Amino acid sequence: MATTIVWAILALLVGLLVGFFGARKYMENYLRNNPPISEEMLRTMMLQMGQKPSSRKLHQMMQSMKAQAKKANTK
């Protein structure tokens, strides 16, 4: 009886760990493939702020955001 409880607790802990790391990996891949901000979203935000977005400026902003995300992931 005591060994059954130990095995159940052990199985629960292993399941939680596998679930946590599996979900974490899935979300990292999802966010890498579907970034939360796109160039079109940046263009819309800049227009709402009264700025005229040029394609060069949008591209620079996207590159700097990718560099910051990469820098944050390496820490």
N, C-alpha and C. Protein backbone atom coordinates (compact mmCIF):
# COMPACT_ATOMS: atom_id res chain seq x y z
N MET A 1 0.82 -1.19 0.00
CA MET A 1 0.00 0.00 0.00
C MET A 1 0.88 1.26 0.00
N ALA A 2 1.90 1.29 0.82
CA ALA A 2 2.77 2.46 0.90
C ALA A 2 3.54 2.64 -0.40
N THR A 3 3.92 1.53 -1.02
CA THR A 3 4.66 1.65 -2.28
C THR A 3 3.75 2.19 -3.38
N THR A 4 2.48 1.88 -3.32
CA THR A 4 1.54 2.40 -4.32
C THR A 4 1.43 3.92 -4.21
N ILE A 5 1.39 4.41 -3.00
CA ILE A 5 1.31 5.86 -2.80
C ILE A 5 2.59 6.54 -3.29
N VAL A 6 3.72 5.93 -3.00
CA VAL A 6 5.00 6.49 -3.45
C VAL A 6 5.06 6.52 -4.97
N TRP A 7 4.64 5.43 -5.62
CA TRP A 7 4.63 5.39 -7.09
C TRP A 7 3.65 6.41 -7.68
N ALA A 8 2.52 6.60 -7.05
CA ALA A 8 1.55 7.58 -7.53
C ALA A 8 2.11 9.00 -7.44
N ILE A 9 2.75 9.30 -6.33
CA ILE A 9 3.34 10.63 -6.16
C ILE A 9 4.48 10.83 -7.15
N LEU A 10 5.30 9.82 -7.32
CA LEU A 10 6.39 9.89 -8.28
C LEU A 10 5.87 10.10 -9.71
N ALA A 11 4.83 9.36 -10.08
CA ALA A 11 4.24 9.50 -11.41
C ALA A 11 3.65 10.90 -11.59
N LEU A 12 3.03 11.44 -10.56
CA LEU A 12 2.47 12.79 -10.63
C LEU A 12 3.58 13.82 -10.84
N LEU A 13 4.67 13.70 -10.10
CA LEU A 13 5.77 14.65 -10.25
C LEU A 13 6.40 14.56 -11.64
N VAL A 14 6.61 13.34 -12.14
CA VAL A 14 7.18 13.18 -13.48
C VAL A 14 6.24 13.77 -14.52
N GLY A 15 4.94 13.53 -14.37
CA GLY A 15 3.95 14.08 -15.30
C GLY A 15 3.95 15.59 -15.30
N LEU A 16 4.05 16.18 -14.12
CA LEU A 16 4.08 17.65 -14.03
C LEU A 16 5.33 18.22 -14.71
N LEU A 17 6.47 17.59 -14.47
CA LEU A 17 7.70 18.07 -15.10
C LEU A 17 7.65 17.95 -16.62
N VAL A 18 7.22 16.80 -17.10
CA VAL A 18 7.14 16.60 -18.55
C VAL A 18 6.12 17.56 -19.17
N GLY A 19 5.01 17.76 -18.51
CA GLY A 19 4.00 18.70 -19.01
C GLY A 19 4.49 20.12 -19.04
N PHE A 20 5.19 20.54 -17.99
CA PHE A 20 5.70 21.90 -17.92
C PHE A 20 6.70 22.16 -19.04
N PHE A 21 7.70 21.29 -19.17
CA PHE A 21 8.73 21.52 -20.18
C PHE A 21 8.19 21.34 -21.60
N GLY A 22 7.23 20.44 -21.78
CA GLY A 22 6.61 20.28 -23.09
C GLY A 22 5.83 21.52 -23.49
N ALA A 23 5.05 22.08 -22.56
CA ALA A 23 4.29 23.29 -22.84
C ALA A 23 5.21 24.48 -23.09
N ARG A 24 6.31 24.54 -22.33
CA ARG A 24 7.27 25.64 -22.52
C ARG A 24 7.89 25.59 -23.91
N LYS A 25 8.31 24.40 -24.33
CA LYS A 25 8.92 24.24 -25.66
C LYS A 25 7.91 24.58 -26.75
N TYR A 26 6.66 24.13 -26.58
CA TYR A 26 5.63 24.43 -27.56
C TYR A 26 5.41 25.93 -27.70
N MET A 27 5.34 26.65 -26.58
CA MET A 27 5.11 28.10 -26.63
C MET A 27 6.29 28.84 -27.23
N GLU A 28 7.51 28.40 -26.94
CA GLU A 28 8.69 29.03 -27.54
C GLU A 28 8.65 28.88 -29.05
N ASN A 29 8.34 27.69 -29.54
CA ASN A 29 8.25 27.48 -30.98
C ASN A 29 7.11 28.28 -31.59
N TYR A 30 5.98 28.34 -30.91
CA TYR A 30 4.83 29.08 -31.42
C TYR A 30 5.16 30.57 -31.54
N LEU A 31 5.76 31.13 -30.51
CA LEU A 31 6.09 32.56 -30.55
C LEU A 31 7.20 32.86 -31.55
N ARG A 32 8.11 31.92 -31.76
CA ARG A 32 9.16 32.13 -32.76
C ARG A 32 8.54 32.13 -34.17
N ASN A 33 7.59 31.25 -34.42
CA ASN A 33 6.97 31.16 -35.75
C ASN A 33 5.88 32.20 -35.96
N ASN A 34 5.24 32.67 -34.89
CA ASN A 34 4.16 33.65 -34.97
C ASN A 34 4.47 34.80 -34.01
N PRO A 35 5.34 35.71 -34.43
CA PRO A 35 5.72 36.79 -33.51
C PRO A 35 4.51 37.64 -33.13
N PRO A 36 4.50 38.14 -31.90
CA PRO A 36 3.34 38.89 -31.44
C PRO A 36 3.16 40.24 -32.15
N ILE A 37 4.23 40.80 -32.73
CA ILE A 37 4.11 42.08 -33.43
C ILE A 37 4.68 41.91 -34.84
N SER A 38 3.88 42.29 -35.83
CA SER A 38 4.33 42.21 -37.22
C SER A 38 4.55 43.62 -37.76
N GLU A 39 5.10 43.69 -38.96
CA GLU A 39 5.34 45.01 -39.57
C GLU A 39 4.02 45.75 -39.80
N GLU A 40 2.98 45.01 -40.14
CA GLU A 40 1.68 45.65 -40.36
C GLU A 40 1.15 46.25 -39.06
N MET A 41 1.35 45.55 -37.96
CA MET A 41 0.91 46.08 -36.67
C MET A 41 1.71 47.33 -36.30
N LEU A 42 3.02 47.30 -36.56
CA LEU A 42 3.84 48.49 -36.29
C LEU A 42 3.39 49.67 -37.14
N ARG A 43 3.08 49.39 -38.41
CA ARG A 43 2.62 50.45 -39.31
C ARG A 43 1.34 51.08 -38.75
N THR A 44 0.42 50.26 -38.31
CA THR A 44 -0.85 50.76 -37.77
C THR A 44 -0.62 51.58 -36.51
N MET A 45 0.27 51.10 -35.63
CA MET A 45 0.55 51.84 -34.39
C MET A 45 1.18 53.19 -34.70
N MET A 46 2.10 53.23 -35.67
CA MET A 46 2.74 54.50 -36.01
C MET A 46 1.75 55.48 -36.62
N LEU A 47 0.85 54.96 -37.45
CA LEU A 47 -0.16 55.84 -38.04
C LEU A 47 -1.08 56.40 -36.96
N GLN A 48 -1.41 55.59 -35.97
CA GLN A 48 -2.27 56.06 -34.88
C GLN A 48 -1.57 57.11 -34.03
N MET A 49 -0.24 57.05 -33.98
CA MET A 49 0.52 58.04 -33.22
C MET A 49 0.82 59.29 -34.05
N GLY A 50 0.37 59.31 -35.28
CA GLY A 50 0.57 60.49 -36.12
C GLY A 50 1.88 60.50 -36.87
N GLN A 51 2.56 59.38 -36.96
CA GLN A 51 3.82 59.31 -37.69
C GLN A 51 3.58 58.67 -39.05
N LYS A 52 4.38 59.07 -40.02
CA LYS A 52 4.31 58.45 -41.33
C LYS A 52 5.39 57.37 -41.40
N PRO A 53 4.99 56.12 -41.37
CA PRO A 53 5.99 55.06 -41.35
C PRO A 53 6.56 54.78 -42.74
N SER A 54 7.88 54.85 -42.86
CA SER A 54 8.52 54.45 -44.10
C SER A 54 8.89 52.97 -43.97
N SER A 55 9.04 52.30 -45.09
CA SER A 55 9.37 50.88 -45.04
C SER A 55 10.75 50.67 -44.40
N ARG A 56 11.65 51.62 -44.61
CA ARG A 56 12.99 51.52 -44.02
C ARG A 56 12.91 51.58 -42.50
N LYS A 57 12.11 52.51 -41.98
CA LYS A 57 11.98 52.66 -40.54
C LYS A 57 11.30 51.44 -39.93
N LEU A 58 10.29 50.91 -40.60
CA LEU A 58 9.62 49.71 -40.11
C LEU A 58 10.59 48.53 -40.07
N HIS A 59 11.39 48.40 -41.11
CA HIS A 59 12.35 47.30 -41.16
C HIS A 59 13.38 47.44 -40.04
N GLN A 60 13.85 48.66 -39.79
CA GLN A 60 14.81 48.89 -38.71
C GLN A 60 14.21 48.54 -37.36
N MET A 61 12.96 48.92 -37.14
CA MET A 61 12.30 48.64 -35.87
C MET A 61 12.13 47.13 -35.68
N MET A 62 11.76 46.42 -36.73
CA MET A 62 11.58 44.97 -36.63
C MET A 62 12.93 44.30 -36.33
N GLN A 63 13.99 44.76 -36.98
CA GLN A 63 15.31 44.17 -36.75
C GLN A 63 15.77 44.42 -35.31
N SER A 64 15.52 45.62 -34.80
CA SER A 64 15.93 45.91 -33.42
C SER A 64 15.11 45.09 -32.43
N MET A 65 13.84 44.87 -32.70
CA MET A 65 13.01 44.05 -31.82
C MET A 65 13.48 42.59 -31.84
N LYS A 66 13.85 42.09 -33.02
CA LYS A 66 14.35 40.72 -33.11
C LYS A 66 15.67 40.59 -32.37
N ALA A 67 16.53 41.61 -32.48
CA ALA A 67 17.81 41.58 -31.78
C ALA A 67 17.61 41.59 -30.27
N GLN A 68 16.66 42.38 -29.80
CA GLN A 68 16.38 42.42 -28.37
C GLN A 68 15.81 41.10 -27.88
N ALA A 69 14.95 40.49 -28.67
CA ALA A 69 14.38 39.20 -28.29
C ALA A 69 15.46 38.12 -28.25
N LYS A 70 16.35 38.16 -29.22
CA LYS A 70 17.45 37.20 -29.26
C LYS A 70 18.37 37.39 -28.06
N LYS A 71 18.64 38.66 -27.72
CA LYS A 71 19.50 38.98 -26.58
C LYS A 71 18.85 38.49 -25.28
N ALA A 72 17.54 38.67 -25.17
CA ALA A 72 16.82 38.24 -23.95
C ALA A 72 16.80 36.72 -23.84
N ASN A 73 16.75 36.02 -24.97
CA ASN A 73 16.70 34.55 -24.94
C ASN A 73 18.04 33.94 -24.59
N THR A 74 19.13 34.65 -24.83
CA THR A 74 20.44 34.10 -24.53
C THR A 74 20.84 34.26 -23.08
N LYS A 75 20.12 35.06 -22.33
CA LYS A 75 20.45 35.28 -20.91
C LYS A 75 20.04 34.10 -20.08
